[in-house]
């Protein structure tokens, strides 16, 4: 009897090299986006990129755990002091989808990424 093991989203999009490329290109877009760049003014972007790579690796099924701060804890100051809201969240998701599309990720897989993003919206926005 053979069992079929389904590939993780992480593997489907190309593994660590793909996540690395996507995060770097994504933050280039975010930092140029007038809607959301202000949220990153005082952010150590090298550290932020590393956190995001680790988080996406976990969220896409590439590793079993994530050691970073929780979404609520990490984003609460942005919600409380800078008014982070759904419009900003949508801009982030849009930039991520555009990035993945430019890197040749299929619409189907971008849809999976969007579902993952939606699953953490309320935590990011501290609701």
PDB file of N, CA and C in Angstrom:
ATOM      1  N   UNK A   1       0.842  -1.177   0.000  1.00  0.00           N
ATOM      2  CA  UNK A   1       0.000   0.000   0.000  1.00  0.00           C
ATOM      3  C   UNK A   1       0.888   1.243   0.000  1.00  0.00           C
ATOM      4  N   UNK A   2       0.621   2.163  -0.884  1.00  0.00           N
ATOM      5  CA  UNK A   2       1.385   3.397  -0.921  1.00  0.00           C
ATOM      6  C   UNK A   2       0.544   4.537  -0.392  1.00  0.00           C
ATOM      7  N   UNK A   3       1.216   5.437   0.274  1.00  0.00           N
ATOM      8  CA  UNK A   3       0.524   6.614   0.772  1.00  0.00           C
ATOM      9  C   UNK A   3       1.030   7.831   0.013  1.00  0.00           C
ATOM     10  N   UNK A   4       0.143   8.746  -0.203  1.00  0.00           N
ATOM     11  CA  UNK A   4       0.497   9.966  -0.900  1.00  0.00           C
ATOM     12  C   UNK A   4       0.674  11.067   0.124  1.00  0.00           C
ATOM     13  N   UNK A   5       1.813  11.698   0.075  1.00  0.00           N
ATOM     14  CA  UNK A   5       2.077  12.827   0.957  1.00  0.00           C
ATOM     15  C   UNK A   5       1.944  14.088   0.118  1.00  0.00           C
ATOM     16  N   UNK A   6       1.034  14.946   0.523  1.00  0.00           N
ATOM     17  CA  UNK A   6       0.830  16.173  -0.231  1.00  0.00           C
ATOM     18  C   UNK A   6       1.944  17.156   0.078  1.00  0.00           C
ATOM     19  N   UNK A   7       2.423  17.802  -0.966  1.00  0.00           N
ATOM     20  CA  UNK A   7       3.458  18.815  -0.793  1.00  0.00           C
ATOM     21  C   UNK A   7       2.893  20.018  -0.052  1.00  0.00           C
ATOM     22  N   UNK A   8       3.722  20.607   0.777  1.00  0.00           N
ATOM     23  CA  UNK A   8       3.317  21.825   1.471  1.00  0.00           C
ATOM     24  C   UNK A   8       3.300  22.994   0.491  1.00  0.00           C
ATOM     25  N   UNK A   9       2.605  24.044   0.849  1.00  0.00           N
ATOM     26  CA  UNK A   9       2.606  25.259   0.049  1.00  0.00           C
ATOM     27  C   UNK A   9       4.041  25.775  -0.075  1.00  0.00           C
ATOM     28  N   UNK A  10       4.803  25.657   0.978  1.00  0.00           N
ATOM     29  CA  UNK A  10       6.212  26.053   0.988  1.00  0.00           C
ATOM     30  C   UNK A  10       6.968  25.369  -0.152  1.00  0.00           C
ATOM     31  N   UNK A  11       6.781  24.064  -0.273  1.00  0.00           N
ATOM     32  CA  UNK A  11       7.451  23.318  -1.343  1.00  0.00           C
ATOM     33  C   UNK A  11       6.884  23.669  -2.716  1.00  0.00           C
ATOM     34  N   UNK A  12       5.574  23.859  -2.783  1.00  0.00           N
ATOM     35  CA  UNK A  12       4.933  24.162  -4.063  1.00  0.00           C
ATOM     36  C   UNK A  12       5.416  25.484  -4.659  1.00  0.00           C
ATOM     37  N   UNK A  13       5.702  26.451  -3.792  1.00  0.00           N
ATOM     38  CA  UNK A  13       6.143  27.746  -4.330  1.00  0.00           C
ATOM     39  C   UNK A  13       7.644  27.797  -4.581  1.00  0.00           C
ATOM     40  N   UNK A  14       8.370  26.772  -4.143  1.00  0.00           N
ATOM     41  CA  UNK A  14       9.803  26.729  -4.446  1.00  0.00           C
ATOM     42  C   UNK A  14      10.725  26.700  -3.249  1.00  0.00           C
ATOM     43  N   UNK A  15      10.158  26.500  -2.046  1.00  0.00           N
ATOM     44  CA  UNK A  15      10.983  26.339  -0.861  1.00  0.00           C
ATOM     45  C   UNK A  15      11.684  27.607  -0.411  1.00  0.00           C
ATOM     46  N   UNK A  16      12.773  27.421   0.334  1.00  0.00           N
ATOM     47  CA  UNK A  16      13.487  28.539   0.941  1.00  0.00           C
ATOM     48  C   UNK A  16      13.955  29.587  -0.070  1.00  0.00           C
ATOM     49  N   UNK A  17      14.497  29.189  -1.226  1.00  0.00           N
ATOM     50  CA  UNK A  17      14.927  30.226  -2.176  1.00  0.00           C
ATOM     51  C   UNK A  17      13.764  31.116  -2.642  1.00  0.00           C
ATOM     52  N   UNK A  18      12.600  30.523  -2.822  1.00  0.00           N
ATOM     53  CA  UNK A  18      11.430  31.294  -3.252  1.00  0.00           C
ATOM     54  C   UNK A  18      10.954  32.238  -2.152  1.00  0.00           C
ATOM     55  N   UNK A  19      10.906  31.754  -0.919  1.00  0.00           N
ATOM     56  CA  UNK A  19      10.492  32.607   0.199  1.00  0.00           C
ATOM     57  C   UNK A  19      11.488  33.756   0.365  1.00  0.00           C
ATOM     58  N   UNK A  20      12.760  33.449   0.276  1.00  0.00           N
ATOM     59  CA  UNK A  20      13.801  34.474   0.385  1.00  0.00           C
ATOM     60  C   UNK A  20      13.599  35.564  -0.674  1.00  0.00           C
ATOM     61  N   UNK A  21      13.443  35.171  -1.911  1.00  0.00           N
ATOM     62  CA  UNK A  21      13.253  36.133  -3.012  1.00  0.00           C
ATOM     63  C   UNK A  21      11.957  36.917  -2.831  1.00  0.00           C
ATOM     64  N   UNK A  22      10.899  36.214  -2.444  1.00  0.00           N
ATOM     65  CA  UNK A  22       9.601  36.870  -2.290  1.00  0.00           C
ATOM     66  C   UNK A  22       9.631  37.920  -1.190  1.00  0.00           C
ATOM     67  N   UNK A  23      10.215  37.591  -0.053  1.00  0.00           N
ATOM     68  CA  UNK A  23      10.245  38.538   1.067  1.00  0.00           C
ATOM     69  C   UNK A  23      11.058  39.778   0.691  1.00  0.00           C
ATOM     70  N   UNK A  24      12.189  39.595   0.055  1.00  0.00           N
ATOM     71  CA  UNK A  24      13.001  40.749  -0.315  1.00  0.00           C
ATOM     72  C   UNK A  24      12.272  41.655  -1.306  1.00  0.00           C
ATOM     73  N   UNK A  25      11.679  41.065  -2.319  1.00  0.00           N
ATOM     74  CA  UNK A  25      10.937  41.838  -3.328  1.00  0.00           C
ATOM     75  C   UNK A  25       9.685  42.473  -2.699  1.00  0.00           C
ATOM     76  N   UNK A  26       9.012  41.721  -1.835  1.00  0.00           N
ATOM     77  CA  UNK A  26       7.819  42.202  -1.145  1.00  0.00           C
ATOM     78  C   UNK A  26       8.119  43.458  -0.341  1.00  0.00           C
ATOM     79  N   UNK A  27       9.182  43.437   0.455  1.00  0.00           N
ATOM     80  CA  UNK A  27       9.474  44.611   1.277  1.00  0.00           C
ATOM     81  C   UNK A  27       9.936  45.795   0.437  1.00  0.00           C
ATOM     82  N   UNK A  28      10.547  45.553  -0.702  1.00  0.00           N
ATOM     83  CA  UNK A  28      10.853  46.666  -1.606  1.00  0.00           C
ATOM     84  C   UNK A  28       9.549  47.353  -2.019  1.00  0.00           C
ATOM     85  N   UNK A  29       8.524  46.574  -2.301  1.00  0.00           N
ATOM     86  CA  UNK A  29       7.217  47.125  -2.682  1.00  0.00           C
ATOM     87  C   UNK A  29       6.566  47.845  -1.498  1.00  0.00           C
ATOM     88  N   UNK A  30       6.579  47.204  -0.333  1.00  0.00           N
ATOM     89  CA  UNK A  30       5.953  47.781   0.858  1.00  0.00           C
ATOM     90  C   UNK A  30       6.582  49.140   1.193  1.00  0.00           C
ATOM     91  N   UNK A  31       7.891  49.219   1.142  1.00  0.00           N
ATOM     92  CA  UNK A  31       8.585  50.453   1.505  1.00  0.00           C
ATOM     93  C   UNK A  31       8.378  51.569   0.484  1.00  0.00           C
ATOM     94  N   UNK A  32       7.882  51.220  -0.688  1.00  0.00           N
ATOM     95  CA  UNK A  32       7.567  52.217  -1.712  1.00  0.00           C
ATOM     96  C   UNK A  32       6.074  52.541  -1.756  1.00  0.00           C
ATOM     97  N   UNK A  33       5.274  51.831  -0.993  1.00  0.00           N
ATOM     98  CA  UNK A  33       3.818  51.965  -1.027  1.00  0.00           C
ATOM     99  C   UNK A  33       3.373  53.066  -0.058  1.00  0.00           C
ATOM    100  N   UNK A  34       2.871  54.159  -0.620  1.00  0.00           N
ATOM    101  CA  UNK A  34       2.449  55.301   0.196  1.00  0.00           C
ATOM    102  C   UNK A  34       1.393  54.938   1.239  1.00  0.00           C
ATOM    103  N   UNK A  35       0.627  53.901   0.975  1.00  0.00           N
ATOM    104  CA  UNK A  35      -0.442  53.509   1.901  1.00  0.00           C
ATOM    105  C   UNK A  35       0.094  52.909   3.192  1.00  0.00           C
ATOM    106  N   UNK A  36       1.261  52.281   3.134  1.00  0.00           N
ATOM    107  CA  UNK A  36       1.713  51.507   4.302  1.00  0.00           C
ATOM    108  C   UNK A  36       3.164  51.719   4.723  1.00  0.00           C
ATOM    109  N   UNK A  37       3.946  52.430   3.948  1.00  0.00           N
ATOM    110  CA  UNK A  37       5.371  52.533   4.272  1.00  0.00           C
ATOM    111  C   UNK A  37       5.625  53.184   5.630  1.00  0.00           C
ATOM    112  N   UNK A  38       4.715  54.048   6.078  1.00  0.00           N
ATOM    113  CA  UNK A  38       4.907  54.728   7.373  1.00  0.00           C
ATOM    114  C   UNK A  38       4.971  53.764   8.553  1.00  0.00           C
ATOM    115  N   UNK A  39       4.409  52.581   8.401  1.00  0.00           N
ATOM    116  CA  UNK A  39       4.431  51.609   9.487  1.00  0.00           C
ATOM    117  C   UNK A  39       5.824  51.016   9.698  1.00  0.00           C
ATOM    118  N   UNK A  40       6.731  51.266   8.764  1.00  0.00           N
ATOM    119  CA  UNK A  40       8.065  50.664   8.814  1.00  0.00           C
ATOM    120  C   UNK A  40       9.180  51.686   9.020  1.00  0.00           C
ATOM    121  N   UNK A  41       8.818  52.924   9.309  1.00  0.00           N
ATOM    122  CA  UNK A  41       9.807  53.995   9.440  1.00  0.00           C
ATOM    123  C   UNK A  41      10.878  53.669  10.481  1.00  0.00           C
ATOM    124  N   UNK A  42      10.486  53.171  11.620  1.00  0.00           N
ATOM    125  CA  UNK A  42      11.439  52.887  12.695  1.00  0.00           C
ATOM    126  C   UNK A  42      11.764  51.401  12.821  1.00  0.00           C
ATOM    127  N   UNK A  43      11.634  50.675  11.733  1.00  0.00           N
ATOM    128  CA  UNK A  43      11.833  49.225  11.747  1.00  0.00           C
ATOM    129  C   UNK A  43      13.212  48.869  11.217  1.00  0.00           C
ATOM    130  N   UNK A  44      13.892  47.982  11.914  1.00  0.00           N
ATOM    131  CA  UNK A  44      15.148  47.402  11.422  1.00  0.00           C
ATOM    132  C   UNK A  44      14.750  46.429  10.321  1.00  0.00           C
ATOM    133  N   UNK A  45      14.894  46.844   9.077  1.00  0.00           N
ATOM    134  CA  UNK A  45      14.370  46.052   7.968  1.00  0.00           C
ATOM    135  C   UNK A  45      15.137  44.750   7.750  1.00  0.00           C
ATOM    136  N   UNK A  46      16.404  44.705   8.073  1.00  0.00           N
ATOM    137  CA  UNK A  46      17.136  43.437   7.946  1.00  0.00           C
ATOM    138  C   UNK A  46      16.536  42.412   8.905  1.00  0.00           C
ATOM    139  N   UNK A  47      16.269  42.857  10.116  1.00  0.00           N
ATOM    140  CA  UNK A  47      15.658  41.975  11.124  1.00  0.00           C
ATOM    141  C   UNK A  47      14.226  41.612  10.715  1.00  0.00           C
ATOM    142  N   UNK A  48      13.484  42.603  10.214  1.00  0.00           N
ATOM    143  CA  UNK A  48      12.102  42.375   9.789  1.00  0.00           C
ATOM    144  C   UNK A  48      12.034  41.336   8.670  1.00  0.00           C
ATOM    145  N   UNK A  49      12.933  41.452   7.715  1.00  0.00           N
ATOM    146  CA  UNK A  49      12.962  40.492   6.610  1.00  0.00           C
ATOM    147  C   UNK A  49      13.231  39.080   7.131  1.00  0.00           C
ATOM    148  N   UNK A  50      14.139  38.953   8.083  1.00  0.00           N
ATOM    149  CA  UNK A  50      14.432  37.629   8.653  1.00  0.00           C
ATOM    150  C   UNK A  50      13.212  37.070   9.386  1.00  0.00           C
ATOM    151  N   UNK A  51      12.542  37.915  10.161  1.00  0.00           N
ATOM    152  CA  UNK A  51      11.324  37.469  10.866  1.00  0.00           C
ATOM    153  C   UNK A  51      10.266  37.016   9.864  1.00  0.00           C
ATOM    154  N   UNK A  52      10.096  37.789   8.804  1.00  0.00           N
ATOM    155  CA  UNK A  52       9.070  37.454   7.817  1.00  0.00           C
ATOM    156  C   UNK A  52       9.405  36.157   7.087  1.00  0.00           C
ATOM    157  N   UNK A  53      10.662  35.954   6.766  1.00  0.00           N
ATOM    158  CA  UNK A  53      11.072  34.709   6.108  1.00  0.00           C
ATOM    159  C   UNK A  53      10.777  33.517   7.020  1.00  0.00           C
ATOM    160  N   UNK A  54      11.092  33.651   8.296  1.00  0.00           N
ATOM    161  CA  UNK A  54      10.817  32.566   9.249  1.00  0.00           C
ATOM    162  C   UNK A  54       9.316  32.335   9.393  1.00  0.00           C
ATOM    163  N   UNK A  55       8.540  33.423   9.482  1.00  0.00           N
ATOM    164  CA  UNK A  55       7.102  33.277   9.638  1.00  0.00           C
ATOM    165  C   UNK A  55       6.470  32.626   8.406  1.00  0.00           C
ATOM    166  N   UNK A  56       6.831  33.102   7.216  1.00  0.00           N
ATOM    167  CA  UNK A  56       6.235  32.536   6.003  1.00  0.00           C
ATOM    168  C   UNK A  56       6.646  31.079   5.806  1.00  0.00           C
ATOM    169  N   UNK A  57       7.869  30.760   6.162  1.00  0.00           N
ATOM    170  CA  UNK A  57       8.299  29.361   6.083  1.00  0.00           C
ATOM    171  C   UNK A  57       7.399  28.500   6.947  1.00  0.00           C
ATOM    172  N   UNK A  58       7.116  28.963   8.157  1.00  0.00           N
ATOM    173  CA  UNK A  58       6.202  28.251   9.056  1.00  0.00           C
ATOM    174  C   UNK A  58       4.770  28.243   8.509  1.00  0.00           C
ATOM    175  N   UNK A  59       4.258  29.418   8.144  1.00  0.00           N
ATOM    176  CA  UNK A  59       2.866  29.541   7.703  1.00  0.00           C
ATOM    177  C   UNK A  59       2.583  28.729   6.449  1.00  0.00           C
ATOM    178  N   UNK A  60       3.596  28.560   5.602  1.00  0.00           N
ATOM    179  CA  UNK A  60       3.433  27.813   4.361  1.00  0.00           C
ATOM    180  C   UNK A  60       3.772  26.338   4.522  1.00  0.00           C
ATOM    181  N   UNK A  61       4.044  25.901   5.750  1.00  0.00           N
ATOM    182  CA  UNK A  61       4.263  24.480   6.005  1.00  0.00           C
ATOM    183  C   UNK A  61       5.687  23.999   5.831  1.00  0.00           C
ATOM    184  N   UNK A  62       6.646  24.907   5.864  1.00  0.00           N
ATOM    185  CA  UNK A  62       8.037  24.531   5.673  1.00  0.00           C
ATOM    186  C   UNK A  62       8.773  24.178   6.943  1.00  0.00           C
ATOM    187  N   UNK A  63       8.186  24.500   8.090  1.00  0.00           N
ATOM    188  CA  UNK A  63       8.751  24.114   9.382  1.00  0.00           C
ATOM    189  C   UNK A  63       7.612  23.988  10.385  1.00  0.00           C
ATOM    190  N   UNK A  64       7.797  23.165  11.404  1.00  0.00           N
ATOM    191  CA  UNK A  64       6.690  22.869  12.315  1.00  0.00           C
ATOM    192  C   UNK A  64       6.358  23.953  13.341  1.00  0.00           C
ATOM    193  N   UNK A  65       7.225  24.918  13.543  1.00  0.00           N
ATOM    194  CA  UNK A  65       6.944  25.930  14.552  1.00  0.00           C
ATOM    195  C   UNK A  65       7.529  27.271  14.179  1.00  0.00           C
ATOM    196  N   UNK A  66       7.092  28.284  14.918  1.00  0.00           N
ATOM    197  CA  UNK A  66       7.578  29.645  14.711  1.00  0.00           C
ATOM    198  C   UNK A  66       7.923  30.211  16.067  1.00  0.00           C
ATOM    199  N   UNK A  67       9.129  30.739  16.207  1.00  0.00           N
ATOM    200  CA  UNK A  67       9.600  31.230  17.503  1.00  0.00           C
ATOM    201  C   UNK A  67       9.445  32.730  17.691  1.00  0.00           C
ATOM    202  N   UNK A  68       8.902  33.410  16.710  1.00  0.00           N
ATOM    203  CA  UNK A  68       8.738  34.857  16.811  1.00  0.00           C
ATOM    204  C   UNK A  68       7.555  35.238  17.685  1.00  0.00           C
ATOM    205  N   UNK A  69       7.388  36.553  17.867  1.00  0.00           N
ATOM    206  CA  UNK A  69       6.260  37.045  18.655  1.00  0.00           C
ATOM    207  C   UNK A  69       4.949  36.712  17.954  1.00  0.00           C
ATOM    208  N   UNK A  70       3.893  36.635  18.727  1.00  0.00           N
ATOM    209  CA  UNK A  70       2.572  36.410  18.168  1.00  0.00           C
ATOM    210  C   UNK A  70       2.112  37.622  17.371  1.00  0.00           C
ATOM    211  N   UNK A  71       1.169  37.414  16.493  1.00  0.00           N
ATOM    212  CA  UNK A  71       0.685  38.476  15.621  1.00  0.00           C
ATOM    213  C   UNK A  71       0.098  39.655  16.399  1.00  0.00           C
ATOM    214  N   UNK A  72      -0.673  39.360  17.437  1.00  0.00           N
ATOM    215  CA  UNK A  72      -1.271  40.441  18.226  1.00  0.00           C
ATOM    216  C   UNK A  72      -0.196  41.268  18.923  1.00  0.00           C
ATOM    217  N   UNK A  73       0.722  40.589  19.562  1.00  0.00           N
ATOM    218  CA  UNK A  73       1.793  41.281  20.280  1.00  0.00           C
ATOM    219  C   UNK A  73       2.631  42.129  19.326  1.00  0.00           C
ATOM    220  N   UNK A  74       2.971  41.577  18.187  1.00  0.00           N
ATOM    221  CA  UNK A  74       3.830  42.274  17.235  1.00  0.00           C
ATOM    222  C   UNK A  74       3.148  43.498  16.611  1.00  0.00           C
ATOM    223  N   UNK A  75       1.839  43.433  16.418  1.00  0.00           N
ATOM    224  CA  UNK A  75       1.152  44.493  15.693  1.00  0.00           C
ATOM    225  C   UNK A  75       0.363  45.458  16.577  1.00  0.00           C
ATOM    226  N   UNK A  76       0.213  45.135  17.856  1.00  0.00           N
ATOM    227  CA  UNK A  76      -0.586  45.987  18.742  1.00  0.00           C
ATOM    228  C   UNK A  76      -0.116  47.446  18.742  1.00  0.00           C
ATOM    229  N   UNK A  77       1.180  47.719  18.829  1.00  0.00           N
ATOM    230  CA  UNK A  77       1.593  49.130  18.796  1.00  0.00           C
ATOM    231  C   UNK A  77       1.202  49.840  17.492  1.00  0.00           C
ATOM    232  N   UNK A  78       1.214  49.110  16.389  1.00  0.00           N
ATOM    233  CA  UNK A  78       0.838  49.701  15.110  1.00  0.00           C
ATOM    234  C   UNK A  78      -0.660  49.997  15.053  1.00  0.00           C
ATOM    235  N   UNK A  79      -1.442  49.123  15.667  1.00  0.00           N
ATOM    236  CA  UNK A  79      -2.889  49.339  15.723  1.00  0.00           C
ATOM    237  C   UNK A  79      -3.192  50.512  16.655  1.00  0.00           C
ATOM    238  N   UNK A  80      -2.595  50.504  17.832  1.00  0.00           N
ATOM    239  CA  UNK A  80      -2.917  51.499  18.860  1.00  0.00           C
ATOM    240  C   UNK A  80      -2.370  52.892  18.530  1.00  0.00           C
ATOM    241  N   UNK A  81      -1.139  52.962  18.088  1.00  0.00           N
ATOM    242  CA  UNK A  81      -0.505  54.269  17.879  1.00  0.00           C
ATOM    243  C   UNK A  81      -0.641  54.806  16.462  1.00  0.00           C
ATOM    244  N   UNK A  82      -0.659  53.904  15.477  1.00  0.00           N
ATOM    245  CA  UNK A  82      -0.643  54.358  14.087  1.00  0.00           C
ATOM    246  C   UNK A  82      -1.917  54.037  13.310  1.00  0.00           C
ATOM    247  N   UNK A  83      -2.873  53.390  13.973  1.00  0.00           N
ATOM    248  CA  UNK A  83      -4.161  53.141  13.330  1.00  0.00           C
ATOM    249  C   UNK A  83      -4.163  52.065  12.261  1.00  0.00           C
ATOM    250  N   UNK A  84      -3.297  51.069  12.397  1.00  0.00           N
ATOM    251  CA  UNK A  84      -3.298  49.948  11.446  1.00  0.00           C
ATOM    252  C   UNK A  84      -4.703  49.377  11.348  1.00  0.00           C
ATOM    253  N   UNK A  85      -5.210  49.228  10.114  1.00  0.00           N
ATOM    254  CA  UNK A  85      -6.586  48.757   9.934  1.00  0.00           C
ATOM    255  C   UNK A  85      -6.709  47.868   8.702  1.00  0.00           C
ATOM    256  N   UNK A  86      -7.932  47.517   8.372  1.00  0.00           N
ATOM    257  CA  UNK A  86      -8.190  46.613   7.246  1.00  0.00           C
ATOM    258  C   UNK A  86      -7.634  47.130   5.921  1.00  0.00           C
ATOM    259  N   UNK A  87      -7.724  48.431   5.702  1.00  0.00           N
ATOM    260  CA  UNK A  87      -7.207  49.002   4.462  1.00  0.00           C
ATOM    261  C   UNK A  87      -5.711  48.734   4.326  1.00  0.00           C
ATOM    262  N   UNK A  88      -4.988  48.888   5.421  1.00  0.00           N
ATOM    263  CA  UNK A  88      -3.551  48.643   5.411  1.00  0.00           C
ATOM    264  C   UNK A  88      -3.258  47.147   5.236  1.00  0.00           C
ATOM    265  N   UNK A  89      -4.025  46.331   5.920  1.00  0.00           N
ATOM    266  CA  UNK A  89      -3.857  44.880   5.788  1.00  0.00           C
ATOM    267  C   UNK A  89      -4.062  44.469   4.335  1.00  0.00           C
ATOM    268  N   UNK A  90      -5.106  45.006   3.711  1.00  0.00           N
ATOM    269  CA  UNK A  90      -5.378  44.699   2.303  1.00  0.00           C
ATOM    270  C   UNK A  90      -4.211  45.115   1.414  1.00  0.00           C
ATOM    271  N   UNK A  91      -3.603  46.255   1.707  1.00  0.00           N
ATOM    272  CA  UNK A  91      -2.458  46.724   0.916  1.00  0.00           C
ATOM    273  C   UNK A  91      -1.284  45.759   1.044  1.00  0.00           C
ATOM    274  N   UNK A  92      -1.066  45.242   2.230  1.00  0.00           N
ATOM    275  CA  UNK A  92       0.013  44.270   2.439  1.00  0.00           C
ATOM    276  C   UNK A  92      -0.261  43.005   1.632  1.00  0.00           C
ATOM    277  N   UNK A  93      -1.475  42.498   1.706  1.00  0.00           N
ATOM    278  CA  UNK A  93      -1.835  41.290   0.964  1.00  0.00           C
ATOM    279  C   UNK A  93      -1.706  41.535  -0.536  1.00  0.00           C
ATOM    280  N   UNK A  94      -2.133  42.702  -0.982  1.00  0.00           N
ATOM    281  CA  UNK A  94      -2.013  43.049  -2.405  1.00  0.00           C
ATOM    282  C   UNK A  94      -0.539  43.044  -2.845  1.00  0.00           C
ATOM    283  N   UNK A  95       0.324  43.644  -2.038  1.00  0.00           N
ATOM    284  CA  UNK A  95       1.756  43.667  -2.369  1.00  0.00           C
ATOM    285  C   UNK A  95       2.345  42.264  -2.386  1.00  0.00           C
ATOM    286  N   UNK A  96       1.912  41.420  -1.468  1.00  0.00           N
ATOM    287  CA  UNK A  96       2.411  40.048  -1.438  1.00  0.00           C
ATOM    288  C   UNK A  96       1.941  39.282  -2.674  1.00  0.00           C
ATOM    289  N   UNK A  97       0.680  39.426  -3.025  1.00  0.00           N
ATOM    290  CA  UNK A  97       0.152  38.737  -4.202  1.00  0.00           C
ATOM    291  C   UNK A  97       0.855  39.203  -5.476  1.00  0.00           C
ATOM    292  N   UNK A  98       1.062  40.501  -5.606  1.00  0.00           N
ATOM    293  CA  UNK A  98       1.760  41.039  -6.779  1.00  0.00           C
ATOM    294  C   UNK A  98       3.180  40.496  -6.849  1.00  0.00           C
ATOM    295  N   UNK A  99       3.844  40.473  -5.715  1.00  0.00           N
ATOM    296  CA  UNK A  99       5.208  39.937  -5.653  1.00  0.00           C
ATOM    297  C   UNK A  99       5.244  38.495  -6.117  1.00  0.00           C
ATOM    298  N   UNK A 100       4.362  37.674  -5.571  1.00  0.00           N
ATOM    299  CA  UNK A 100       4.351  36.256  -5.925  1.00  0.00           C
ATOM    300  C   UNK A 100       4.036  36.065  -7.407  1.00  0.00           C
ATOM    301  N   UNK A 101       3.112  36.850  -7.922  1.00  0.00           N
ATOM    302  CA  UNK A 101       2.774  36.773  -9.342  1.00  0.00           C
ATOM    303  C   UNK A 101       3.986  37.116 -10.207  1.00  0.00           C
ATOM    304  N   UNK A 102       4.686  38.180  -9.841  1.00  0.00           N
ATOM    305  CA  UNK A 102       5.890  38.579 -10.586  1.00  0.00           C
ATOM    306  C   UNK A 102       6.975  37.512 -10.543  1.00  0.00           C
ATOM    307  N   UNK A 103       6.972  36.705  -9.489  1.00  0.00           N
ATOM    308  CA  UNK A 103       7.955  35.629  -9.358  1.00  0.00           C
ATOM    309  C   UNK A 103       7.482  34.331 -10.014  1.00  0.00           C
ATOM    310  N   UNK A 104       6.324  34.374 -10.668  1.00  0.00           N
ATOM    311  CA  UNK A 104       5.844  33.226 -11.417  1.00  0.00           C
ATOM    312  C   UNK A 104       5.017  32.227 -10.630  1.00  0.00           C
ATOM    313  N   UNK A 105       4.566  32.600  -9.440  1.00  0.00           N
ATOM    314  CA  UNK A 105       3.713  31.720  -8.646  1.00  0.00           C
ATOM    315  C   UNK A 105       2.312  31.729  -9.262  1.00  0.00           C
ATOM    316  N   UNK A 106       1.705  30.560  -9.362  1.00  0.00           N
ATOM    317  CA  UNK A 106       0.391  30.446  -9.999  1.00  0.00           C
ATOM    318  C   UNK A 106      -0.702  31.152  -9.195  1.00  0.00           C
ATOM    319  N   UNK A 107      -1.757  31.540  -9.884  1.00  0.00           N
ATOM    320  CA  UNK A 107      -2.897  32.173  -9.221  1.00  0.00           C
ATOM    321  C   UNK A 107      -3.486  31.259  -8.156  1.00  0.00           C
ATOM    322  N   UNK A 108      -3.501  29.964  -8.417  1.00  0.00           N
ATOM    323  CA  UNK A 108      -4.041  29.004  -7.446  1.00  0.00           C
ATOM    324  C   UNK A 108      -3.244  29.056  -6.135  1.00  0.00           C
ATOM    325  N   UNK A 109      -1.921  29.069  -6.242  1.00  0.00           N
ATOM    326  CA  UNK A 109      -1.091  29.115  -5.037  1.00  0.00           C
ATOM    327  C   UNK A 109      -1.165  30.476  -4.357  1.00  0.00           C
ATOM    328  N   UNK A 110      -1.289  31.537  -5.140  1.00  0.00           N
ATOM    329  CA  UNK A 110      -1.471  32.869  -4.549  1.00  0.00           C
ATOM    330  C   UNK A 110      -2.784  32.901  -3.775  1.00  0.00           C
ATOM    331  N   UNK A 111      -3.795  32.205  -4.274  1.00  0.00           N
ATOM    332  CA  UNK A 111      -5.060  32.081  -3.546  1.00  0.00           C
ATOM    333  C   UNK A 111      -4.880  31.390  -2.209  1.00  0.00           C
ATOM    334  N   UNK A 112      -4.034  30.361  -2.178  1.00  0.00           N
ATOM    335  CA  UNK A 112      -3.741  29.680  -0.909  1.00  0.00           C
ATOM    336  C   UNK A 112      -3.041  30.633   0.060  1.00  0.00           C
ATOM    337  N   UNK A 113      -2.122  31.416  -0.456  1.00  0.00           N
ATOM    338  CA  UNK A 113      -1.426  32.401   0.377  1.00  0.00           C
ATOM    339  C   UNK A 113      -2.434  33.407   0.932  1.00  0.00           C
ATOM    340  N   UNK A 114      -3.349  33.870   0.094  1.00  0.00           N
ATOM    341  CA  UNK A 114      -4.361  34.836   0.530  1.00  0.00           C
ATOM    342  C   UNK A 114      -5.236  34.251   1.642  1.00  0.00           C
ATOM    343  N   UNK A 115      -5.570  32.976   1.546  1.00  0.00           N
ATOM    344  CA  UNK A 115      -6.368  32.329   2.599  1.00  0.00           C
ATOM    345  C   UNK A 115      -5.606  32.309   3.920  1.00  0.00           C
ATOM    346  N   UNK A 116      -4.319  32.040   3.850  1.00  0.00           N
ATOM    347  CA  UNK A 116      -3.499  32.050   5.063  1.00  0.00           C
ATOM    348  C   UNK A 116      -3.481  33.457   5.656  1.00  0.00           C
ATOM    349  N   UNK A 117      -3.294  34.453   4.798  1.00  0.00           N
ATOM    350  CA  UNK A 117      -3.289  35.838   5.278  1.00  0.00           C
ATOM    351  C   UNK A 117      -4.618  36.181   5.946  1.00  0.00           C
ATOM    352  N   UNK A 118      -5.719  35.811   5.305  1.00  0.00           N
ATOM    353  CA  UNK A 118      -7.034  36.100   5.885  1.00  0.00           C
ATOM    354  C   UNK A 118      -7.216  35.426   7.244  1.00  0.00           C
ATOM    355  N   UNK A 119      -6.609  34.278   7.415  1.00  0.00           N
ATOM    356  CA  UNK A 119      -6.771  33.543   8.677  1.00  0.00           C
ATOM    357  C   UNK A 119      -6.106  34.252   9.855  1.00  0.00           C
ATOM    358  N   UNK A 120      -5.214  35.202   9.582  1.00  0.00           N
ATOM    359  CA  UNK A 120      -4.565  35.924  10.680  1.00  0.00           C
ATOM    360  C   UNK A 120      -4.966  37.397  10.739  1.00  0.00           C
ATOM    361  N   UNK A 121      -5.866  37.819   9.867  1.00  0.00           N
ATOM    362  CA  UNK A 121      -6.277  39.237   9.822  1.00  0.00           C
ATOM    363  C   UNK A 121      -6.698  39.744  11.200  1.00  0.00           C
ATOM    364  N   UNK A 122      -7.603  39.050  11.869  1.00  0.00           N
ATOM    365  CA  UNK A 122      -8.105  39.541  13.160  1.00  0.00           C
ATOM    366  C   UNK A 122      -7.012  39.609  14.213  1.00  0.00           C
ATOM    367  N   UNK A 123      -6.065  38.675  14.187  1.00  0.00           N
ATOM    368  CA  UNK A 123      -4.959  38.731  15.133  1.00  0.00           C
ATOM    369  C   UNK A 123      -4.053  39.924  14.846  1.00  0.00           C
ATOM    370  N   UNK A 124      -3.720  40.138  13.574  1.00  0.00           N
ATOM    371  CA  UNK A 124      -2.868  41.267  13.199  1.00  0.00           C
ATOM    372  C   UNK A 124      -3.534  42.580  13.591  1.00  0.00           C
ATOM    373  N   UNK A 125      -4.838  42.668  13.404  1.00  0.00           N
ATOM    374  CA  UNK A 125      -5.559  43.899  13.698  1.00  0.00           C
ATOM    375  C   UNK A 125      -6.092  43.944  15.134  1.00  0.00           C
ATOM    376  N   UNK A 126      -5.674  42.974  15.960  1.00  0.00           N
ATOM    377  CA  UNK A 126      -5.976  42.937  17.390  1.00  0.00           C
ATOM    378  C   UNK A 126      -7.465  42.986  17.686  1.00  0.00           C
ATOM    379  N   UNK A 127      -8.235  42.158  16.951  1.00  0.00           N
ATOM    380  CA  UNK A 127      -9.688  42.090  17.177  1.00  0.00           C
ATOM    381  C   UNK A 127     -10.056  40.778  17.831  1.00  0.00           C
TER     382      UNK A 127
END
